[in-house]
Amino acid sequence: MIVSECPFCAIARGDGEASVVYADDAVMAFMDTAPAVPGQVLVVPREHVSGLELLDEELGARMWAAAHRIARALRRSELRCEGVNLFLADGRAAFQEVFHVHLHVLPRFAEDGFRLDARRGNPARAELETDAAAVRAGLAALAAEKG
């Protein structure tokens, strides 16, 4: 997707319609136009970043801080909010639909109809240790890339 065609970039530039709830120099938050639950907010970086792999950690922290603030605000708003989910889909396999990194802030309440279904496993400790070793190796590779 060309950045000029990105709907979130258009919103960040002021060219796209959005019901903005928060904005600063690095991130914006606005109402999702196809919410899974009433009051769902999207937090996006102003600059185009297609996915989590390319997101600068400092900018990611700014997104998280804005999402945290919005989640707290949702609990104090008139919207029904008995809990909150934060959800980030990164890549097609994770159901990312707009390839501009974004964090969903979903106010939750009993019987709101929103579900994430998964087949949960019960792996043996040895399998968990093997997986942990793979993640540690990935962290070491990441550290080596940073030099």
C-alpha atoms as a PDB file:
ATOM      1  CA  MET A   1       0.000   0.000   0.000  1.00  0.00           C
ATOM      2  CA  ILE A   2       1.342   3.423  -0.929  1.00  0.00           C
ATOM      3  CA  VAL A   3       1.497   5.655   2.129  1.00  0.00           C
ATOM      4  CA  SER A   4      -0.716   8.244   0.427  1.00  0.00           C
ATOM      5  CA  GLU A   5      -3.418   5.546   0.128  1.00  0.00           C
ATOM      6  CA  CYS A   6      -3.181   4.575   3.804  1.00  0.00           C
ATOM      7  CA  PRO A   7      -6.390   5.629   5.573  1.00  0.00           C
ATOM      8  CA  PHE A   8      -4.590   6.169   8.887  1.00  0.00           C
ATOM      9  CA  CYS A   9      -1.962   8.369   7.226  1.00  0.00           C
ATOM     10  CA  ALA A  10      -4.786  10.434   5.702  1.00  0.00           C
ATOM     11  CA  ILE A  11      -6.299  10.855   9.160  1.00  0.00           C
ATOM     12  CA  ALA A  12      -2.911  11.806  10.628  1.00  0.00           C
ATOM     13  CA  ARG A  13      -2.465  14.435   7.864  1.00  0.00           C
ATOM     14  CA  GLY A  14      -5.941  15.821   8.531  1.00  0.00           C
ATOM     15  CA  ASP A  15      -7.208  14.666   5.128  1.00  0.00           C
ATOM     16  CA  GLY A  16      -9.386  11.822   6.404  1.00  0.00           C
ATOM     17  CA  GLU A  17     -12.490  11.938   8.531  1.00  0.00           C
ATOM     18  CA  ALA A  18     -12.052  10.766  12.092  1.00  0.00           C
ATOM     19  CA  SER A  19     -13.636  11.228  15.485  1.00  0.00           C
ATOM     20  CA  VAL A  20     -10.406  12.043  17.293  1.00  0.00           C
ATOM     21  CA  VAL A  21     -10.254  11.473  21.038  1.00  0.00           C
ATOM     22  CA  TYR A  22      -6.538  12.183  21.564  1.00  0.00           C
ATOM     23  CA  ALA A  23      -3.629  13.562  19.570  1.00  0.00           C
ATOM     24  CA  ASP A  24      -0.079  14.640  20.264  1.00  0.00           C
ATOM     25  CA  ASP A  25       3.009  15.093  18.113  1.00  0.00           C
ATOM     26  CA  ALA A  26       3.639  11.329  17.767  1.00  0.00           C
ATOM     27  CA  VAL A  27       0.317   9.467  18.052  1.00  0.00           C
ATOM     28  CA  MET A  28      -3.388   9.868  17.450  1.00  0.00           C
ATOM     29  CA  ALA A  29      -6.410   8.028  18.819  1.00  0.00           C
ATOM     30  CA  PHE A  30      -9.789   7.976  17.136  1.00  0.00           C
ATOM     31  CA  MET A  31     -13.001   5.985  17.111  1.00  0.00           C
ATOM     32  CA  ASP A  32     -12.986   2.808  15.029  1.00  0.00           C
ATOM     33  CA  THR A  33     -15.514   3.125  12.177  1.00  0.00           C
ATOM     34  CA  ALA A  34     -16.226  -0.630  12.304  1.00  0.00           C
ATOM     35  CA  PRO A  35     -16.122  -1.320  16.040  1.00  0.00           C
ATOM     36  CA  ALA A  36     -16.379  -4.815  17.480  1.00  0.00           C
ATOM     37  CA  VAL A  37     -17.824  -3.163  20.601  1.00  0.00           C
ATOM     38  CA  PRO A  38     -19.260   0.324  21.200  1.00  0.00           C
ATOM     39  CA  GLY A  39     -16.541   2.805  22.123  1.00  0.00           C
ATOM     40  CA  GLN A  40     -13.650   0.995  20.410  1.00  0.00           C
ATOM     41  CA  VAL A  41     -10.707   3.339  19.879  1.00  0.00           C
ATOM     42  CA  LEU A  42      -7.674   2.950  17.600  1.00  0.00           C
ATOM     43  CA  VAL A  43      -4.274   4.343  18.602  1.00  0.00           C
ATOM     44  CA  VAL A  44      -1.900   4.918  15.681  1.00  0.00           C
ATOM     45  CA  PRO A  45       1.486   6.550  15.164  1.00  0.00           C
ATOM     46  CA  ARG A  46       1.318   9.692  13.041  1.00  0.00           C
ATOM     47  CA  GLU A  47       4.145   8.401  10.852  1.00  0.00           C
ATOM     48  CA  HIS A  48       3.469   5.448   8.574  1.00  0.00           C
ATOM     49  CA  VAL A  49       4.762   2.222  10.095  1.00  0.00           C
ATOM     50  CA  SER A  50       3.340  -0.882   8.456  1.00  0.00           C
ATOM     51  CA  GLY A  51       3.799  -3.296  11.348  1.00  0.00           C
ATOM     52  CA  LEU A  52       5.230  -4.052  14.742  1.00  0.00           C
ATOM     53  CA  GLU A  53       8.600  -5.236  13.379  1.00  0.00           C
ATOM     54  CA  LEU A  54       9.287  -1.740  12.028  1.00  0.00           C
ATOM     55  CA  LEU A  55       7.876   0.184  14.994  1.00  0.00           C
ATOM     56  CA  ASP A  56      10.492   2.076  16.980  1.00  0.00           C
ATOM     57  CA  GLU A  57      10.349   1.014  20.638  1.00  0.00           C
ATOM     58  CA  GLU A  58      10.042   4.610  21.866  1.00  0.00           C
ATOM     59  CA  LEU A  59       7.120   5.243  19.513  1.00  0.00           C
ATOM     60  CA  GLY A  60       5.569   1.953  20.634  1.00  0.00           C
ATOM     61  CA  ALA A  61       5.854   3.150  24.237  1.00  0.00           C
ATOM     62  CA  ARG A  62       4.086   6.376  23.254  1.00  0.00           C
ATOM     63  CA  MET A  63       1.286   4.320  21.676  1.00  0.00           C
ATOM     64  CA  TRP A  64       0.998   2.151  24.792  1.00  0.00           C
ATOM     65  CA  ALA A  65       0.903   5.226  27.064  1.00  0.00           C
ATOM     66  CA  ALA A  66      -1.894   6.772  24.978  1.00  0.00           C
ATOM     67  CA  ALA A  67      -3.834   3.482  24.966  1.00  0.00           C
ATOM     68  CA  HIS A  68      -3.430   3.174  28.730  1.00  0.00           C
ATOM     69  CA  ARG A  69      -4.735   6.714  29.225  1.00  0.00           C
ATOM     70  CA  ILE A  70      -7.692   6.041  26.908  1.00  0.00           C
ATOM     71  CA  ALA A  71      -8.506   2.776  28.691  1.00  0.00           C
ATOM     72  CA  ARG A  72      -8.608   4.649  32.000  1.00  0.00           C
ATOM     73  CA  ALA A  73     -10.783   7.338  30.405  1.00  0.00           C
ATOM     74  CA  LEU A  74     -13.206   4.735  29.050  1.00  0.00           C
ATOM     75  CA  ARG A  75     -13.773   3.461  32.590  1.00  0.00           C
ATOM     76  CA  ARG A  76     -14.694   7.010  33.633  1.00  0.00           C
ATOM     77  CA  SER A  77     -16.863   7.738  30.606  1.00  0.00           C
ATOM     78  CA  GLU A  78     -20.590   7.242  30.140  1.00  0.00           C
ATOM     79  CA  LEU A  79     -19.852   4.288  27.834  1.00  0.00           C
ATOM     80  CA  ARG A  80     -20.417   0.814  29.205  1.00  0.00           C
ATOM     81  CA  CYS A  81     -16.976  -0.378  30.287  1.00  0.00           C
ATOM     82  CA  GLU A  82     -16.508  -3.128  32.849  1.00  0.00           C
ATOM     83  CA  GLY A  83     -13.104  -4.149  31.489  1.00  0.00           C
ATOM     84  CA  VAL A  84     -10.694  -3.348  28.663  1.00  0.00           C
ATOM     85  CA  ASN A  85      -8.819  -5.343  26.038  1.00  0.00           C
ATOM     86  CA  LEU A  86      -5.817  -3.984  24.172  1.00  0.00           C
ATOM     87  CA  PHE A  87      -5.269  -5.775  20.881  1.00  0.00           C
ATOM     88  CA  LEU A  88      -2.624  -5.363  18.201  1.00  0.00           C
ATOM     89  CA  ALA A  89      -2.777  -7.461  15.039  1.00  0.00           C
ATOM     90  CA  ASP A  90       0.612  -7.690  13.299  1.00  0.00           C
ATOM     91  CA  GLY A  91       0.577  -9.283   9.858  1.00  0.00           C
ATOM     92  CA  ARG A  92      -2.036 -11.058   7.773  1.00  0.00           C
ATOM     93  CA  ALA A  93      -1.796 -14.266   9.810  1.00  0.00           C
ATOM     94  CA  ALA A  94      -2.691 -12.195  12.897  1.00  0.00           C
ATOM     95  CA  PHE A  95      -5.703 -10.623  11.108  1.00  0.00           C
ATOM     96  CA  GLN A  96      -4.130  -7.213  10.433  1.00  0.00           C
ATOM     97  CA  GLU A  97      -6.344  -5.508   7.850  1.00  0.00           C
ATOM     98  CA  VAL A  98      -4.908  -1.983   7.654  1.00  0.00           C
ATOM     99  CA  PHE A  99      -1.142  -2.123   7.269  1.00  0.00           C
ATOM    100  CA  HIS A 100      -0.377   0.865   9.454  1.00  0.00           C
ATOM    101  CA  VAL A 101       0.384  -0.379  12.954  1.00  0.00           C
ATOM    102  CA  HIS A 102      -2.515   0.315  15.320  1.00  0.00           C
ATOM    103  CA  LEU A 103      -3.552  -0.649  18.804  1.00  0.00           C
ATOM    104  CA  HIS A 104      -7.222  -1.397  19.476  1.00  0.00           C
ATOM    105  CA  VAL A 105      -8.620  -0.238  22.826  1.00  0.00           C
ATOM    106  CA  LEU A 106     -11.836  -2.181  23.409  1.00  0.00           C
ATOM    107  CA  PRO A 107     -14.156  -1.366  26.295  1.00  0.00           C
ATOM    108  CA  ARG A 108     -15.660  -4.629  27.483  1.00  0.00           C
ATOM    109  CA  PHE A 109     -18.789  -5.633  29.352  1.00  0.00           C
ATOM    110  CA  ALA A 110     -20.492  -8.927  30.134  1.00  0.00           C
ATOM    111  CA  GLU A 111     -22.192 -10.482  27.116  1.00  0.00           C
ATOM    112  CA  ASP A 112     -20.888  -7.820  24.679  1.00  0.00           C
ATOM    113  CA  GLY A 113     -20.512 -10.509  22.018  1.00  0.00           C
ATOM    114  CA  PHE A 114     -16.796  -9.964  21.321  1.00  0.00           C
ATOM    115  CA  ARG A 115     -14.749 -13.160  21.513  1.00  0.00           C
ATOM    116  CA  LEU A 116     -11.281 -14.354  20.636  1.00  0.00           C
ATOM    117  CA  ASP A 117     -11.567 -18.094  20.247  1.00  0.00           C
ATOM    118  CA  ALA A 118      -8.486 -20.259  20.373  1.00  0.00           C
ATOM    119  CA  ARG A 119      -7.627 -23.890  20.815  1.00  0.00           C
ATOM    120  CA  ARG A 120      -5.575 -23.715  23.972  1.00  0.00           C
ATOM    121  CA  GLY A 121      -2.954 -26.356  24.563  1.00  0.00           C
ATOM    122  CA  ASN A 122      -1.352 -27.887  27.601  1.00  0.00           C
ATOM    123  CA  PRO A 123       2.290 -28.363  26.562  1.00  0.00           C
ATOM    124  CA  ALA A 124       4.776 -30.289  28.661  1.00  0.00           C
ATOM    125  CA  ARG A 125       7.369 -28.247  30.567  1.00  0.00           C
ATOM    126  CA  ALA A 126      10.075 -29.475  28.150  1.00  0.00           C
ATOM    127  CA  GLU A 127       8.186 -27.960  25.213  1.00  0.00           C
ATOM    128  CA  LEU A 128       7.777 -24.669  27.103  1.00  0.00           C
ATOM    129  CA  GLU A 129      11.528 -24.651  27.826  1.00  0.00           C
ATOM    130  CA  THR A 130      12.307 -25.306  24.152  1.00  0.00           C
ATOM    131  CA  ASP A 131      10.029 -22.439  23.120  1.00  0.00           C
ATOM    132  CA  ALA A 132      11.575 -20.164  25.771  1.00  0.00           C
ATOM    133  CA  ALA A 133      15.049 -20.958  24.419  1.00  0.00           C
ATOM    134  CA  ALA A 134      13.887 -20.009  20.908  1.00  0.00           C
ATOM    135  CA  VAL A 135      12.559 -16.658  22.159  1.00  0.00           C
ATOM    136  CA  ARG A 136      15.799 -15.990  24.080  1.00  0.00           C
ATOM    137  CA  ALA A 137      17.751 -16.716  20.878  1.00  0.00           C
ATOM    138  CA  GLY A 138      15.538 -14.222  19.044  1.00  0.00           C
ATOM    139  CA  LEU A 139      16.238 -11.612  21.728  1.00  0.00           C
ATOM    140  CA  ALA A 140      19.978 -12.245  21.364  1.00  0.00           C
ATOM    141  CA  ALA A 141      19.689 -11.843  17.592  1.00  0.00           C
ATOM    142  CA  LEU A 142      17.812  -8.586  18.061  1.00  0.00           C
ATOM    143  CA  ALA A 143      20.498  -7.305  20.452  1.00  0.00           C
ATOM    144  CA  ALA A 144      23.198  -8.266  17.937  1.00  0.00           C
ATOM    145  CA  GLU A 145      21.397  -6.315  15.200  1.00  0.00           C
ATOM    146  CA  LYS A 146      21.482  -3.205  17.365  1.00  0.00           C
ATOM    147  CA  GLY A 147      25.209  -3.737  17.763  1.00  0.00           C
END
